[in-house]
Amino acid sequence: MELIFALSEQVNYWLQRLEFYEAVPEFLRRAEPASRGLTNGPPYYASKRGGAFQLIRGQRYTVGDAALFPILHVRNSPLRGRF
């Protein structure tokens, strides 16, 4: 079985951080939430370093007996400008 999820960098960060699928240490370092977003009212997600999602996009990860492929929703691509 193959699963393709159109999920944000933030969602993939928490899925890896909470060990739902194999963690990529460099992705976790780059995608870690920055304090500027957490201390804002209301809080929002902003990563500490850019380019984290490119490290995992389209890669194959195993979740149980299924394959998971992180991708961005079509509205988030290309990764520039407003949508």
Protein backbone atom coordinates (compact mmCIF):
# COMPACT_ATOMS: atom_id res chain seq x y z
CA MET A 1 0.00 0.00 0.00
CA GLU A 2 1.23 3.53 -0.79
CA LEU A 3 0.09 6.71 0.93
CA ILE A 4 0.66 10.16 -0.53
CA PHE A 5 0.02 13.01 1.90
CA ALA A 6 -0.23 16.64 0.88
CA LEU A 7 0.95 18.03 4.20
CA SER A 8 2.73 21.16 5.29
CA GLU A 9 6.26 21.34 6.63
CA GLN A 10 4.77 21.90 10.09
CA VAL A 11 2.68 18.72 9.97
CA ASN A 12 5.62 16.66 8.71
CA TYR A 13 7.79 18.13 11.49
CA TRP A 14 5.38 16.91 14.16
CA LEU A 15 4.84 13.52 12.50
CA GLN A 16 8.60 12.94 12.53
CA ARG A 17 9.14 14.50 15.96
CA LEU A 18 6.42 12.25 17.46
CA GLU A 19 7.92 9.23 15.63
CA PHE A 20 4.96 8.46 13.36
CA TYR A 21 7.51 7.92 10.61
CA GLU A 22 11.29 7.83 10.25
CA ALA A 23 12.91 11.07 11.39
CA VAL A 24 15.42 12.93 9.24
CA PRO A 25 17.67 14.74 11.76
CA GLU A 26 18.57 17.64 9.44
CA PHE A 27 14.90 18.17 8.57
CA LEU A 28 13.99 18.27 12.27
CA ARG A 29 16.76 20.81 12.96
CA ARG A 30 15.67 23.09 10.12
CA ALA A 31 11.91 22.71 10.62
CA GLU A 32 11.95 23.26 14.39
CA PRO A 33 9.48 26.05 15.26
CA ALA A 34 11.10 29.46 15.69
CA SER A 35 10.32 31.33 18.89
CA ARG A 36 9.08 34.39 16.96
CA GLY A 37 6.04 32.42 15.82
CA LEU A 38 5.37 30.75 19.14
CA THR A 39 5.52 34.00 21.12
CA ASN A 40 3.27 35.84 18.69
CA GLY A 41 -0.40 36.31 19.57
CA PRO A 42 -2.00 34.24 18.11
CA PRO A 43 0.91 31.81 17.66
CA TYR A 44 1.90 30.67 14.17
CA TYR A 45 4.41 28.25 12.72
CA ALA A 46 7.66 29.53 11.29
CA SER A 47 10.71 27.29 10.96
CA LYS A 48 14.11 28.20 12.38
CA ARG A 49 15.77 27.68 9.00
CA GLY A 50 14.40 27.64 5.47
CA GLY A 51 14.51 24.82 2.96
CA ALA A 52 13.61 22.03 5.35
CA PHE A 53 10.79 20.58 3.27
CA GLN A 54 13.06 20.08 0.26
CA LEU A 55 15.00 17.52 2.32
CA ILE A 56 12.00 15.17 2.57
CA ARG A 57 9.64 15.99 -0.33
CA GLY A 58 8.88 13.06 -2.58
CA GLN A 59 11.07 10.70 -0.55
CA ARG A 60 9.70 7.27 0.34
CA TYR A 61 9.21 6.48 4.02
CA THR A 62 7.87 3.28 5.53
CA VAL A 63 4.99 3.46 8.00
CA GLY A 64 4.15 -0.05 9.13
CA ASP A 65 3.58 -1.91 5.85
CA ALA A 66 2.69 1.23 3.87
CA ALA A 67 4.81 3.71 1.93
CA LEU A 68 4.47 7.43 2.69
CA PHE A 69 5.56 10.22 0.31
CA PRO A 70 5.52 13.78 1.73
CA ILE A 71 4.39 16.33 -0.88
CA LEU A 72 3.07 19.89 -0.79
CA HIS A 73 -0.47 20.72 -1.76
CA VAL A 74 -0.61 22.12 -5.29
CA ARG A 75 -1.53 25.53 -3.85
CA ASN A 76 1.82 25.62 -1.99
CA SER A 77 3.89 25.02 -5.10
CA PRO A 78 6.14 26.52 -6.29
CA LEU A 79 7.69 27.45 -2.96
CA ARG A 80 7.73 31.20 -3.50
CA GLY A 81 5.33 34.09 -3.34
CA ARG A 82 1.79 34.24 -2.06
CA PHE A 83 -0.91 31.78 -3.06
